PDB file of N, CA and C in Angstrom:
ATOM      1  N   TYR A   1     113.751 112.678  98.143  1.00  0.00           N
ATOM      2  CA  TYR A   1     114.748 113.492  98.798  1.00  0.00           C
ATOM      3  C   TYR A   1     114.243 113.874 100.177  1.00  0.00           C
ATOM      4  N   VAL A   2     115.042 113.598 101.192  1.00  0.00           N
ATOM      5  CA  VAL A   2     114.767 114.025 102.562  1.00  0.00           C
ATOM      6  C   VAL A   2     116.000 114.816 103.000  1.00  0.00           C
ATOM      7  N   PRO A   3     115.877 116.137 103.189  1.00  0.00           N
ATOM      8  CA  PRO A   3     117.046 116.965 103.503  1.00  0.00           C
ATOM      9  C   PRO A   3     117.876 116.398 104.664  1.00  0.00           C
ATOM     10  N   ASN A   4     119.177 116.316 104.440  1.00  0.00           N
ATOM     11  CA  ASN A   4     120.160 115.854 105.427  1.00  0.00           C
ATOM     12  C   ASN A   4     119.953 114.418 105.880  1.00  0.00           C
ATOM     13  N   GLU A   5     119.136 113.650 105.182  1.00  0.00           N
ATOM     14  CA  GLU A   5     118.902 112.256 105.564  1.00  0.00           C
ATOM     15  C   GLU A   5     119.055 111.275 104.414  1.00  0.00           C
ATOM     16  N   LYS A   6     118.390 111.578 103.274  1.00  0.00           N
ATOM     17  CA  LYS A   6     118.354 110.581 102.208  1.00  0.00           C
ATOM     18  C   LYS A   6     118.095 111.225 100.856  1.00  0.00           C
ATOM     19  N   VAL A   7     118.689 110.612  99.829  1.00  0.00           N
ATOM     20  CA  VAL A   7     118.376 110.971  98.452  1.00  0.00           C
ATOM     21  C   VAL A   7     118.341 109.669  97.643  1.00  0.00           C
ATOM     22  N   THR A   8     117.357 109.563  96.765  1.00  0.00           N
ATOM     23  CA  THR A   8     117.210 108.377  95.920  1.00  0.00           C
ATOM     24  C   THR A   8     117.274 108.808  94.461  1.00  0.00           C
ATOM     25  N   LEU A   9     118.122 108.110  93.694  1.00  0.00           N
ATOM     26  CA  LEU A   9     118.298 108.408  92.275  1.00  0.00           C
ATOM     27  C   LEU A   9     117.874 107.194  91.461  1.00  0.00           C
ATOM     28  N   PHE A  10     117.255 107.453  90.329  1.00  0.00           N
ATOM     29  CA  PHE A  10     116.820 106.399  89.432  1.00  0.00           C
ATOM     30  C   PHE A  10     117.501 106.593  88.080  1.00  0.00           C
ATOM     31  N   PHE A  11     118.106 105.521  87.563  1.00  0.00           N
ATOM     32  CA  PHE A  11     118.767 105.548  86.263  1.00  0.00           C
ATOM     33  C   PHE A  11     118.086 104.531  85.369  1.00  0.00           C
ATOM     34  N   ASP A  12     117.614 104.979  84.220  1.00  0.00           N
ATOM     35  CA  ASP A  12     116.953 104.100  83.266  1.00  0.00           C
ATOM     36  C   ASP A  12     117.806 104.049  82.008  1.00  0.00           C
ATOM     37  N   ALA A  13     118.387 102.874  81.731  1.00  0.00           N
ATOM     38  CA  ALA A  13     119.282 102.748  80.585  1.00  0.00           C
ATOM     39  C   ALA A  13     119.067 101.414  79.883  1.00  0.00           C
ATOM     40  N   GLN A  14     118.393 101.447  78.771  1.00  0.00           N
ATOM     41  CA  GLN A  14     118.238 100.288  77.889  1.00  0.00           C
ATOM     42  C   GLN A  14     117.980  98.982  78.645  1.00  0.00           C
ATOM     43  N   ASN A  15     116.805  98.781  79.095  1.00  0.00           N
ATOM     44  CA  ASN A  15     116.377  97.562  79.787  1.00  0.00           C
ATOM     45  C   ASN A  15     116.953  97.386  81.187  1.00  0.00           C
ATOM     46  N   MET A  16     117.519  98.425  81.756  1.00  0.00           N
ATOM     47  CA  MET A  16     118.016  98.337  83.114  1.00  0.00           C
ATOM     48  C   MET A  16     117.548  99.555  83.898  1.00  0.00           C
ATOM     49  N   LEU A  17     116.851  99.305  84.989  1.00  0.00           N
ATOM     50  CA  LEU A  17     116.484 100.383  85.899  1.00  0.00           C
ATOM     51  C   LEU A  17     117.301 100.192  87.166  1.00  0.00           C
ATOM     52  N   LYS A  18     118.173 101.150  87.449  1.00  0.00           N
ATOM     53  CA  LYS A  18     119.024 101.086  88.638  1.00  0.00           C
ATOM     54  C   LYS A  18     118.531 102.132  89.622  1.00  0.00           C
ATOM     55  N   THR A  19     118.336 101.705  90.860  1.00  0.00           N
ATOM     56  CA  THR A  19     117.913 102.590  91.929  1.00  0.00           C
ATOM     57  C   THR A  19     119.043 102.683  92.938  1.00  0.00           C
ATOM     58  N   ASP A  20     119.497 103.903  93.205  1.00  0.00           N
ATOM     59  CA  ASP A  20     120.546 104.157  94.190  1.00  0.00           C
ATOM     60  C   ASP A  20     119.959 104.994  95.314  1.00  0.00           C
ATOM     61  N   GLU A  21     120.021 104.468  96.526  1.00  0.00           N
ATOM     62  CA  GLU A  21     119.512 105.194  97.685  1.00  0.00           C
ATOM     63  C   GLU A  21     120.685 105.505  98.614  1.00  0.00           C
ATOM     64  N   TYR A  22     120.937 106.783  98.812  1.00  0.00           N
ATOM     65  CA  TYR A  22     122.010 107.242  99.691  1.00  0.00           C
ATOM     66  C   TYR A  22     121.395 107.739 100.992  1.00  0.00           C
ATOM     67  N   THR A  23     121.911 107.249 102.115  1.00  0.00           N
ATOM     68  CA  THR A  23     121.467 107.753 103.409  1.00  0.00           C
ATOM     69  C   THR A  23     122.664 108.388 104.109  1.00  0.00           C
ATOM     70  N   PHE A  24     122.401 109.476 104.802  1.00  0.00           N
ATOM     71  CA  PHE A  24     123.450 110.251 105.459  1.00  0.00           C
ATOM     72  C   PHE A  24     123.224 110.244 106.960  1.00  0.00           C
ATOM     73  N   SER A  25     124.310 110.063 107.702  1.00  0.00           N
ATOM     74  CA  SER A  25     124.220 110.137 109.157  1.00  0.00           C
ATOM     75  C   SER A  25     125.492 110.779 109.704  1.00  0.00           C
ATOM     76  N   GLU A  26     125.411 111.227 110.950  1.00  0.00           N
ATOM     77  CA  GLU A  26     126.550 111.882 111.604  1.00  0.00           C
ATOM     78  C   GLU A  26     126.600 111.423 113.047  1.00  0.00           C
ATOM     79  N   LYS A  27     127.809 111.078 113.485  1.00  0.00           N
ATOM     80  CA  LYS A  27     128.008 110.699 114.877  1.00  0.00           C
ATOM     81  C   LYS A  27     129.384 111.188 115.311  1.00  0.00           C
ATOM     82  N   ASP A  28     129.417 111.938 116.386  1.00  0.00           N
ATOM     83  CA  ASP A  28     130.670 112.469 116.936  1.00  0.00           C
ATOM     84  C   ASP A  28     131.471 113.250 115.893  1.00  0.00           C
ATOM     85  N   GLY A  29     130.782 114.007 115.067  1.00  0.00           N
ATOM     86  CA  GLY A  29     131.445 114.839 114.067  1.00  0.00           C
ATOM     87  C   GLY A  29     131.915 114.098 112.830  1.00  0.00           C
ATOM     88  N   ILE A  30     131.588 112.831 112.715  1.00  0.00           N
ATOM     89  CA  ILE A  30     131.989 112.038 111.546  1.00  0.00           C
ATOM     90  C   ILE A  30     130.743 111.731 110.720  1.00  0.00           C
ATOM     91  N   SER A  31     130.796 112.126 109.450  1.00  0.00           N
ATOM     92  CA  SER A  31     129.668 111.888 108.545  1.00  0.00           C
ATOM     93  C   SER A  31     129.830 110.539 107.856  1.00  0.00           C
ATOM     94  N   THR A  32     128.715 109.851 107.675  1.00  0.00           N
ATOM     95  CA  THR A  32     128.716 108.555 107.006  1.00  0.00           C
ATOM     96  C   THR A  32     127.670 108.567 105.895  1.00  0.00           C
ATOM     97  N   ILE A  33     128.080 108.068 104.741  1.00  0.00           N
ATOM     98  CA  ILE A  33     127.160 107.898 103.620  1.00  0.00           C
ATOM     99  C   ILE A  33     127.038 106.407 103.367  1.00  0.00           C
ATOM    100  N   LYS A  34     125.818 105.908 103.359  1.00  0.00           N
ATOM    101  CA  LYS A  34     125.562 104.507 103.025  1.00  0.00           C
ATOM    102  C   LYS A  34     124.748 104.471 101.748  1.00  0.00           C
ATOM    103  N   LYS A  35     125.036 103.472 100.937  1.00  0.00           N
ATOM    104  CA  LYS A  35     124.359 103.370  99.656  1.00  0.00           C
ATOM    105  C   LYS A  35     123.743 101.987  99.503  1.00  0.00           C
ATOM    106  N   ASN A  36     122.482 101.973  99.137  1.00  0.00           N
ATOM    107  CA  ASN A  36     121.784 100.735  98.777  1.00  0.00           C
ATOM    108  C   ASN A  36     121.379 100.855  97.317  1.00  0.00           C
ATOM    109  N   SER A  37     121.683  99.824  96.547  1.00  0.00           N
ATOM    110  CA  SER A  37     121.382  99.844  95.118  1.00  0.00           C
ATOM    111  C   SER A  37     120.606  98.603  94.719  1.00  0.00           C
ATOM    112  N   SER A  38     119.820  98.765  93.674  1.00  0.00           N
ATOM    113  CA  SER A  38     119.152  97.615  93.077  1.00  0.00           C
ATOM    114  C   SER A  38     119.053  97.830  91.575  1.00  0.00           C
ATOM    115  N   CYS A  39     119.102  96.721  90.851  1.00  0.00           N
ATOM    116  CA  CYS A  39     118.960  96.755  89.395  1.00  0.00           C
ATOM    117  C   CYS A  39     117.839  95.799  89.021  1.00  0.00           C
ATOM    118  N   ARG A  40     117.036  96.219  88.070  1.00  0.00           N
ATOM    119  CA  ARG A  40     115.990  95.337  87.572  1.00  0.00           C
ATOM    120  C   ARG A  40     115.758  95.610  86.102  1.00  0.00           C
ATOM    121  N   SER A  41     115.093  94.658  85.481  1.00  0.00           N
ATOM    122  CA  SER A  41     114.848  94.774  84.052  1.00  0.00           C
ATOM    123  C   SER A  41     113.527  94.098  83.716  1.00  0.00           C
ATOM    124  N   ASP A  42     112.881  94.584  82.674  1.00  0.00           N
ATOM    125  CA  ASP A  42     111.689  93.923  82.165  1.00  0.00           C
ATOM    126  C   ASP A  42     112.066  92.733  81.289  1.00  0.00           C
ATOM    127  N   SER A  43     113.317  92.674  80.912  1.00  0.00           N
ATOM    128  CA  SER A  43     113.812  91.593  80.072  1.00  0.00           C
ATOM    129  C   SER A  43     114.235  90.401  80.945  1.00  0.00           C
ATOM    130  N   TYR A  44     113.722  89.236  80.650  1.00  0.00           N
ATOM    131  CA  TYR A  44     114.066  88.033  81.410  1.00  0.00           C
ATOM    132  C   TYR A  44     115.561  87.747  81.318  1.00  0.00           C
ATOM    133  N   ILE A  45     116.122  87.867  80.129  1.00  0.00           N
ATOM    134  CA  ILE A  45     117.548  87.573  79.926  1.00  0.00           C
ATOM    135  C   ILE A  45     118.414  88.522  80.754  1.00  0.00           C
ATOM    136  N   MET A  46     118.104  89.810  80.704  1.00  0.00           N
ATOM    137  CA  MET A  46     118.880  90.788  81.483  1.00  0.00           C
ATOM    138  C   MET A  46     118.763  90.498  82.978  1.00  0.00           C
ATOM    139  N   SER A  47     117.578  90.152  83.432  1.00  0.00           N
ATOM    140  CA  SER A  47     117.373  89.834  84.844  1.00  0.00           C
ATOM    141  C   SER A  47     118.220  88.637  85.273  1.00  0.00           C
ATOM    142  N   CYS A  48     118.402  87.696  84.373  1.00  0.00           N
ATOM    143  CA  CYS A  48     119.229  86.526  84.678  1.00  0.00           C
ATOM    144  C   CYS A  48     120.723  86.858  84.708  1.00  0.00           C
ATOM    145  N   ILE A  49     121.116  87.861  83.959  1.00  0.00           N
ATOM    146  CA  ILE A  49     122.536  88.231  83.866  1.00  0.00           C
ATOM    147  C   ILE A  49     122.990  89.089  85.045  1.00  0.00           C
ATOM    148  N   PHE A  50     122.111  89.916  85.590  1.00  0.00           N
ATOM    149  CA  PHE A  50     122.493  90.849  86.661  1.00  0.00           C
ATOM    150  C   PHE A  50     123.245  90.199  87.821  1.00  0.00           C
ATOM    151  N   PRO A  51     122.827  89.038  88.317  1.00  0.00           N
ATOM    152  CA  PRO A  51     123.551  88.459  89.455  1.00  0.00           C
ATOM    153  C   PRO A  51     125.039  88.198  89.176  1.00  0.00           C
ATOM    154  N   TYR A  52     125.377  87.925  87.926  1.00  0.00           N
ATOM    155  CA  TYR A  52     126.769  87.678  87.569  1.00  0.00           C
ATOM    156  C   TYR A  52     127.616  88.943  87.634  1.00  0.00           C
ATOM    157  N   PHE A  53     126.979  90.096  87.553  1.00  0.00           N
ATOM    158  CA  PHE A  53     127.693  91.364  87.574  1.00  0.00           C
ATOM    159  C   PHE A  53     127.593  92.087  88.919  1.00  0.00           C
ATOM    160  N   LYS A  54     127.014  91.438  89.915  1.00  0.00           N
ATOM    161  CA  LYS A  54     126.822  92.074  91.221  1.00  0.00           C
ATOM    162  C   LYS A  54     128.141  92.603  91.784  1.00  0.00           C
ATOM    163  N   GLY A  55     129.183  91.796  91.762  1.00  0.00           N
ATOM    164  CA  GLY A  55     130.487  92.219  92.277  1.00  0.00           C
ATOM    165  C   GLY A  55     131.047  93.402  91.503  1.00  0.00           C
ATOM    166  N   THR A  56     130.865  93.398  90.196  1.00  0.00           N
ATOM    167  CA  THR A  56     131.341  94.496  89.358  1.00  0.00           C
ATOM    168  C   THR A  56     130.599  95.784  89.690  1.00  0.00           C
ATOM    169  N   PHE A  57     129.279  95.687  89.832  1.00  0.00           N
ATOM    170  CA  PHE A  57     128.486  96.865  90.207  1.00  0.00           C
ATOM    171  C   PHE A  57     128.932  97.411  91.566  1.00  0.00           C
ATOM    172  N   GLN A  58     129.193  96.518  92.518  1.00  0.00           N
ATOM    173  CA  GLN A  58     129.629  96.946  93.851  1.00  0.00           C
ATOM    174  C   GLN A  58     130.988  97.635  93.790  1.00  0.00           C
ATOM    175  N   GLU A  59     131.908  97.095  93.009  1.00  0.00           N
ATOM    176  CA  GLU A  59     133.237  97.710  92.868  1.00  0.00           C
ATOM    177  C   GLU A  59     133.137  99.107  92.266  1.00  0.00           C
ATOM    178  N   ILE A  60     132.330  99.247  91.240  1.00  0.00           N
ATOM    179  CA  ILE A  60     132.160 100.547  90.591  1.00  0.00           C
ATOM    180  C   ILE A  60     131.560 101.549  91.572  1.00  0.00           C
ATOM    181  N   ASP A  61     130.507 101.140  92.282  1.00  0.00           N
ATOM    182  CA  ASP A  61     129.867 102.030  93.255  1.00  0.00           C
ATOM    183  C   ASP A  61     130.835 102.426  94.364  1.00  0.00           C
ATOM    184  N   GLN A  62     131.643 101.475  94.857  1.00  0.00           N
ATOM    185  CA  GLN A  62     132.596 101.783  95.922  1.00  0.00           C
ATOM    186  C   GLN A  62     133.677 102.734  95.420  1.00  0.00           C
ATOM    187  N   THR A  63     134.098 102.572  94.182  1.00  0.00           N
ATOM    188  CA  THR A  63     135.084 103.487  93.594  1.00  0.00           C
ATOM    189  C   THR A  63     134.530 104.905  93.542  1.00  0.00           C
ATOM    190  N   TYR A  64     133.269 105.042  93.126  1.00  0.00           N
ATOM    191  CA  TYR A  64     132.649 106.369  93.083  1.00  0.00           C
ATOM    192  C   TYR A  64     132.566 106.986  94.477  1.00  0.00           C
ATOM    193  N   LEU A  65     132.199 106.191  95.475  1.00  0.00           N
ATOM    194  CA  LEU A  65     132.121 106.712  96.841  1.00  0.00           C
ATOM    195  C   LEU A  65     133.502 107.093  97.369  1.00  0.00           C
ATOM    196  N   ASN A  66     134.516 106.293  97.076  1.00  0.00           N
ATOM    197  CA  ASN A  66     135.886 106.617  97.500  1.00  0.00           C
ATOM    198  C   ASN A  66     136.377 107.901  96.838  1.00  0.00           C
ATOM    199  N   ASN A  67     136.082 108.058  95.544  1.00  0.00           N
ATOM    200  CA  ASN A  67     136.482 109.274  94.835  1.00  0.00           C
ATOM    201  C   ASN A  67     135.765 110.501  95.416  1.00  0.00           C
ATOM    202  N   PHE A  68     134.495 110.355  95.755  1.00  0.00           N
ATOM    203  CA  PHE A  68     133.736 111.447  96.357  1.00  0.00           C
ATOM    204  C   PHE A  68     134.320 111.826  97.713  1.00  0.00           C
ATOM    205  N   LYS A  69     134.669 110.817  98.515  1.00  0.00           N
ATOM    206  CA  LYS A  69     135.287 111.060  99.826  1.00  0.00           C
ATOM    207  C   LYS A  69     136.617 111.809  99.662  1.00  0.00           C
ATOM    208  N   ALA A  70     137.447 111.358  98.727  1.00  0.00           N
ATOM    209  CA  ALA A  70     138.736 112.019  98.498  1.00  0.00           C
ATOM    210  C   ALA A  70     138.525 113.463  98.057  1.00  0.00           C
ATOM    211  N   TYR A  71     137.552 113.705  97.208  1.00  0.00           N
ATOM    212  CA  TYR A  71     137.240 115.065  96.768  1.00  0.00           C
ATOM    213  C   TYR A  71     136.842 115.951  97.942  1.00  0.00           C
ATOM    214  N   LEU A  72     135.988 115.443  98.799  1.00  0.00           N
ATOM    215  CA  LEU A  72     135.531 116.234  99.937  1.00  0.00           C
ATOM    216  C   LEU A  72     136.628 116.531 100.952  1.00  0.00           C
ATOM    217  N   GLU A  73     137.592 115.620 101.050  1.00  0.00           N
ATOM    218  CA  GLU A  73     138.649 115.775 102.041  1.00  0.00           C
ATOM    219  C   GLU A  73     139.855 116.550 101.524  1.00  0.00           C
ATOM    220  N   GLN A  74     139.805 117.020 100.296  1.00  0.00           N
ATOM    221  CA  GLN A  74     140.905 117.816  99.746  1.00  0.00           C
ATOM    222  C   GLN A  74     141.063 119.094 100.553  1.00  0.00           C
ATOM    223  N   GLU A  75     142.290 119.481 100.716  1.00  0.00           N
ATOM    224  CA  GLU A  75     142.531 120.746 101.443  1.00  0.00           C
ATOM    225  C   GLU A  75     142.705 121.880 100.492  1.00  0.00           C
TER     226      GLU A  75
END
């Protein structure tokens, strides 16, 4: 955790370790959140399967970010 700059979260769930790194920036009064994620596993089979789900993981992450944005912009 770096205040006002970055937060990194680790999720460990049954042979999958997911790392989510959120970075925050501001320019001209507009805040931007960028997210970098990675998934890994000690299991060879799981490691081989992850690339097939990359698009699904990205869609889910983008949905969460869109929902967070909508929540913050509520009046």
